Amino acid sequence: MPATKEVYKCLNPVGIQKPVETYPLAPRLDTVDGKTININITGEPDITIALEKRLKSDYPDVNWTTKKTYGIDPVRLSEEEMKTTNGLIMGVCW
């Protein structure tokens, strides 16, 4: 079968994304070693199980705390947890 020199063109389905300005809610941590980071999981426990396991193995010097709810409403941090938590990872999966 001979090679053809036809050229096909297609449109990128992603389209053109406009730049978005982001504003941090808190200053970035200089290091995570010795910090307390809360993992808050809402919804079905799909990839979040593997994520939690991987984070704990990759960052053993972090004090990890985990809250899980498999309903609609996310688990909220208490006033004391807000004072002692340095970072929060919130995962919502359905």
N, C-alpha and C. Protein backbone atom coordinates (compact mmCIF):
# COMPACT_ATOMS: atom_id res chain seq x y z
N MET A 1 0.84 -1.18 0.00
CA MET A 1 0.00 0.00 0.00
C MET A 1 0.89 1.24 0.00
N PRO A 2 0.74 2.12 -0.97
CA PRO A 2 1.60 3.30 -1.05
C PRO A 2 1.25 4.32 0.05
N ALA A 3 2.26 5.03 0.51
CA ALA A 3 2.06 6.07 1.52
C ALA A 3 1.42 7.28 0.85
N THR A 4 0.43 7.85 1.51
CA THR A 4 -0.23 9.03 0.96
C THR A 4 0.35 10.28 1.60
N LYS A 5 0.25 11.37 0.89
CA LYS A 5 0.75 12.64 1.40
C LYS A 5 -0.39 13.56 1.78
N GLU A 6 -1.51 12.96 2.14
CA GLU A 6 -2.65 13.77 2.54
C GLU A 6 -2.40 14.34 3.94
N VAL A 7 -2.85 15.55 4.15
CA VAL A 7 -2.73 16.20 5.45
C VAL A 7 -4.13 16.43 5.99
N TYR A 8 -4.35 15.98 7.21
CA TYR A 8 -5.64 16.15 7.85
C TYR A 8 -5.52 17.22 8.93
N LYS A 9 -6.48 18.09 9.02
CA LYS A 9 -6.51 19.12 10.04
C LYS A 9 -7.74 18.91 10.90
N CYS A 10 -7.58 19.16 12.18
CA CYS A 10 -8.72 19.06 13.09
C CYS A 10 -8.63 20.18 14.11
N LEU A 11 -9.75 20.45 14.75
CA LEU A 11 -9.80 21.48 15.79
C LEU A 11 -9.52 20.85 17.14
N ASN A 12 -8.82 21.58 17.98
CA ASN A 12 -8.56 21.10 19.33
C ASN A 12 -9.87 21.19 20.13
N PRO A 13 -10.34 20.08 20.70
CA PRO A 13 -11.61 20.12 21.44
C PRO A 13 -11.55 20.91 22.73
N VAL A 14 -10.34 21.22 23.22
CA VAL A 14 -10.21 21.98 24.46
C VAL A 14 -10.61 23.43 24.24
N GLY A 15 -10.34 23.92 23.06
CA GLY A 15 -10.68 25.31 22.78
C GLY A 15 -9.63 26.26 23.31
N ILE A 16 -9.99 27.50 23.45
CA ILE A 16 -9.07 28.52 23.94
C ILE A 16 -9.51 28.93 25.34
N GLN A 17 -8.61 28.76 26.28
CA GLN A 17 -8.94 29.11 27.66
C GLN A 17 -8.41 30.50 27.98
N LYS A 18 -9.24 31.29 28.60
CA LYS A 18 -8.83 32.64 28.98
C LYS A 18 -8.03 32.57 30.27
N PRO A 19 -7.02 33.42 30.43
CA PRO A 19 -6.24 33.42 31.67
C PRO A 19 -7.11 33.83 32.86
N VAL A 20 -6.83 33.21 34.00
CA VAL A 20 -7.59 33.48 35.21
C VAL A 20 -6.63 33.93 36.30
N GLU A 21 -6.99 35.01 37.00
CA GLU A 21 -6.18 35.45 38.13
C GLU A 21 -6.57 34.64 39.36
N THR A 22 -5.58 34.21 40.11
CA THR A 22 -5.83 33.48 41.35
C THR A 22 -5.35 34.31 42.53
N TYR A 23 -6.01 34.14 43.64
CA TYR A 23 -5.68 34.86 44.87
C TYR A 23 -5.56 33.84 46.00
N PRO A 24 -4.40 33.73 46.63
CA PRO A 24 -4.24 32.75 47.71
C PRO A 24 -5.08 33.14 48.93
N LEU A 25 -5.60 32.13 49.59
CA LEU A 25 -6.36 32.36 50.81
C LEU A 25 -5.45 32.45 52.03
N ALA A 26 -4.26 31.88 51.91
CA ALA A 26 -3.29 31.91 52.99
C ALA A 26 -1.90 31.86 52.37
N PRO A 27 -0.90 32.29 53.10
CA PRO A 27 0.46 32.21 52.56
C PRO A 27 0.88 30.75 52.36
N ARG A 28 1.71 30.51 51.35
CA ARG A 28 2.20 29.17 51.06
C ARG A 28 3.16 28.74 52.17
N LEU A 29 3.09 27.46 52.56
CA LEU A 29 3.98 26.93 53.59
C LEU A 29 5.40 26.87 53.04
N ASP A 30 6.39 27.22 53.88
CA ASP A 30 7.78 27.13 53.44
C ASP A 30 8.24 25.67 53.38
N THR A 31 7.71 24.83 54.24
CA THR A 31 7.98 23.40 54.25
C THR A 31 6.78 22.69 54.85
N VAL A 32 6.61 21.41 54.53
CA VAL A 32 5.51 20.66 55.12
C VAL A 32 6.00 19.77 56.26
N ASP A 33 7.32 19.64 56.41
CA ASP A 33 7.87 18.81 57.48
C ASP A 33 7.46 19.36 58.85
N GLY A 34 6.89 18.50 59.67
CA GLY A 34 6.46 18.88 61.00
C GLY A 34 5.13 19.61 61.05
N LYS A 35 4.51 19.87 59.92
CA LYS A 35 3.23 20.58 59.87
C LYS A 35 2.07 19.58 60.02
N THR A 36 0.92 20.08 60.41
CA THR A 36 -0.29 19.28 60.51
C THR A 36 -1.16 19.60 59.31
N ILE A 37 -1.45 18.59 58.50
CA ILE A 37 -2.28 18.76 57.32
C ILE A 37 -3.47 17.81 57.42
N ASN A 38 -4.65 18.36 57.22
CA ASN A 38 -5.88 17.59 57.31
C ASN A 38 -6.33 17.19 55.91
N ILE A 39 -6.68 15.92 55.75
CA ILE A 39 -7.28 15.44 54.51
C ILE A 39 -8.76 15.27 54.79
N ASN A 40 -9.59 16.00 54.07
CA ASN A 40 -11.04 15.99 54.27
C ASN A 40 -11.67 15.38 53.01
N ILE A 41 -12.27 14.21 53.16
CA ILE A 41 -12.82 13.48 52.01
C ILE A 41 -14.34 13.43 52.12
N THR A 42 -15.01 13.90 51.07
CA THR A 42 -16.46 13.89 51.02
C THR A 42 -16.89 13.12 49.78
N GLY A 43 -17.89 12.29 49.92
CA GLY A 43 -18.40 11.53 48.78
C GLY A 43 -17.87 10.12 48.76
N GLU A 44 -17.80 9.53 47.59
CA GLU A 44 -17.37 8.15 47.44
C GLU A 44 -15.85 8.03 47.61
N PRO A 45 -15.40 7.01 48.32
CA PRO A 45 -13.95 6.86 48.55
C PRO A 45 -13.27 6.16 47.38
N ASP A 46 -13.12 6.83 46.26
CA ASP A 46 -12.51 6.18 45.10
C ASP A 46 -11.01 6.44 45.07
N ILE A 47 -10.56 7.45 44.39
CA ILE A 47 -9.12 7.72 44.29
C ILE A 47 -8.55 8.29 45.58
N THR A 48 -9.42 8.75 46.47
CA THR A 48 -8.92 9.39 47.69
C THR A 48 -8.22 8.39 48.61
N ILE A 49 -8.58 7.11 48.53
CA ILE A 49 -7.91 6.10 49.35
C ILE A 49 -6.45 5.99 48.91
N ALA A 50 -6.23 5.89 47.62
CA ALA A 50 -4.86 5.81 47.10
C ALA A 50 -4.11 7.12 47.33
N LEU A 51 -4.79 8.25 47.20
CA LEU A 51 -4.16 9.56 47.42
C LEU A 51 -3.67 9.68 48.86
N GLU A 52 -4.52 9.31 49.79
CA GLU A 52 -4.15 9.39 51.21
C GLU A 52 -2.94 8.50 51.51
N LYS A 53 -2.96 7.29 51.00
CA LYS A 53 -1.86 6.35 51.21
C LYS A 53 -0.56 6.89 50.62
N ARG A 54 -0.64 7.44 49.41
CA ARG A 54 0.55 7.96 48.73
C ARG A 54 1.11 9.18 49.46
N LEU A 55 0.26 10.09 49.87
CA LEU A 55 0.73 11.29 50.57
C LEU A 55 1.43 10.91 51.88
N LYS A 56 0.85 9.97 52.61
CA LYS A 56 1.45 9.56 53.88
C LYS A 56 2.79 8.86 53.68
N SER A 57 2.94 8.13 52.57
CA SER A 57 4.23 7.46 52.33
C SER A 57 5.26 8.44 51.77
N ASP A 58 4.85 9.40 50.95
CA ASP A 58 5.79 10.36 50.37
C ASP A 58 6.23 11.44 51.36
N TYR A 59 5.38 11.75 52.33
CA TYR A 59 5.67 12.81 53.30
C TYR A 59 5.51 12.26 54.72
N PRO A 60 6.44 11.42 55.17
CA PRO A 60 6.29 10.79 56.49
C PRO A 60 6.48 11.76 57.66
N ASP A 61 7.11 12.91 57.44
CA ASP A 61 7.35 13.86 58.52
C ASP A 61 6.19 14.82 58.75
N VAL A 62 5.10 14.63 58.02
CA VAL A 62 3.91 15.45 58.17
C VAL A 62 2.96 14.77 59.16
N ASN A 63 2.34 15.55 60.02
CA ASN A 63 1.32 15.02 60.93
C ASN A 63 -0.01 15.04 60.18
N TRP A 64 -0.42 13.90 59.65
CA TRP A 64 -1.64 13.81 58.85
C TRP A 64 -2.84 13.53 59.75
N THR A 65 -3.93 14.24 59.53
CA THR A 65 -5.21 13.92 60.16
C THR A 65 -6.21 13.75 59.02
N THR A 66 -7.17 12.87 59.21
CA THR A 66 -8.13 12.58 58.14
C THR A 66 -9.54 12.61 58.69
N LYS A 67 -10.43 13.24 57.93
CA LYS A 67 -11.86 13.23 58.23
C LYS A 67 -12.57 12.75 56.98
N LYS A 68 -13.49 11.84 57.14
CA LYS A 68 -14.22 11.30 55.99
C LYS A 68 -15.72 11.33 56.26
N THR A 69 -16.46 11.65 55.23
CA THR A 69 -17.91 11.53 55.27
C THR A 69 -18.35 11.04 53.92
N TYR A 70 -19.26 10.12 53.90
CA TYR A 70 -19.70 9.56 52.64
C TYR A 70 -21.12 10.01 52.32
N GLY A 71 -21.45 11.17 52.81
CA GLY A 71 -22.74 11.78 52.52
C GLY A 71 -22.57 12.98 51.61
N ILE A 72 -23.49 13.90 51.71
CA ILE A 72 -23.47 15.08 50.83
C ILE A 72 -22.66 16.21 51.45
N ASP A 73 -22.80 16.43 52.75
CA ASP A 73 -22.16 17.57 53.40
C ASP A 73 -20.72 17.24 53.78
N PRO A 74 -19.79 18.17 53.53
CA PRO A 74 -18.40 17.93 53.93
C PRO A 74 -18.24 18.01 55.44
N VAL A 75 -17.24 17.31 55.94
CA VAL A 75 -16.93 17.38 57.36
C VAL A 75 -16.21 18.69 57.61
N ARG A 76 -16.70 19.45 58.53
CA ARG A 76 -16.10 20.75 58.80
C ARG A 76 -15.08 20.63 59.93
N LEU A 77 -14.06 21.46 59.86
CA LEU A 77 -13.08 21.49 60.93
C LEU A 77 -13.64 22.23 62.13
N SER A 78 -13.33 21.75 63.32
CA SER A 78 -13.77 22.44 64.53
C SER A 78 -12.90 23.69 64.72
N GLU A 79 -13.30 24.54 65.64
CA GLU A 79 -12.53 25.76 65.92
C GLU A 79 -11.10 25.41 66.35
N GLU A 80 -10.97 24.37 67.19
CA GLU A 80 -9.64 23.96 67.65
C GLU A 80 -8.80 23.43 66.50
N GLU A 81 -9.40 22.65 65.60
CA GLU A 81 -8.67 22.13 64.44
C GLU A 81 -8.22 23.26 63.51
N MET A 82 -9.05 24.27 63.37
CA MET A 82 -8.66 25.41 62.52
C MET A 82 -7.45 26.13 63.08
N LYS A 83 -7.30 26.15 64.40
CA LYS A 83 -6.17 26.82 65.02
C LYS A 83 -4.89 25.99 64.89
N THR A 84 -5.02 24.66 64.88
CA THR A 84 -3.83 23.80 64.91
C THR A 84 -3.48 23.19 63.55
N THR A 85 -4.33 23.33 62.55
CA THR A 85 -4.06 22.76 61.23
C THR A 85 -3.32 23.77 60.37
N ASN A 86 -2.24 23.33 59.74
CA ASN A 86 -1.44 24.21 58.89
C ASN A 86 -1.89 24.16 57.42
N GLY A 87 -2.53 23.06 57.03
CA GLY A 87 -2.96 22.93 55.63
C GLY A 87 -4.14 22.00 55.54
N LEU A 88 -4.88 22.09 54.44
CA LEU A 88 -6.09 21.29 54.24
C LEU A 88 -6.14 20.82 52.79
N ILE A 89 -6.38 19.53 52.62
CA ILE A 89 -6.63 18.96 51.30
C ILE A 89 -8.06 18.45 51.34
N MET A 90 -8.90 19.02 50.49
CA MET A 90 -10.29 18.61 50.47
C MET A 90 -10.62 17.93 49.15
N GLY A 91 -11.08 16.71 49.23
CA GLY A 91 -11.44 15.95 48.03
C GLY A 91 -12.92 15.65 48.02
N VAL A 92 -13.57 15.98 46.92
CA VAL A 92 -14.99 15.71 46.76
C VAL A 92 -15.14 14.78 45.56
N CYS A 93 -15.64 13.58 45.78
CA CYS A 93 -15.76 12.59 44.71
C CYS A 93 -17.19 12.05 44.68
N TRP A 94 -17.70 11.84 43.49
CA TRP A 94 -19.06 11.29 43.36
C TRP A 94 -19.05 10.14 42.43
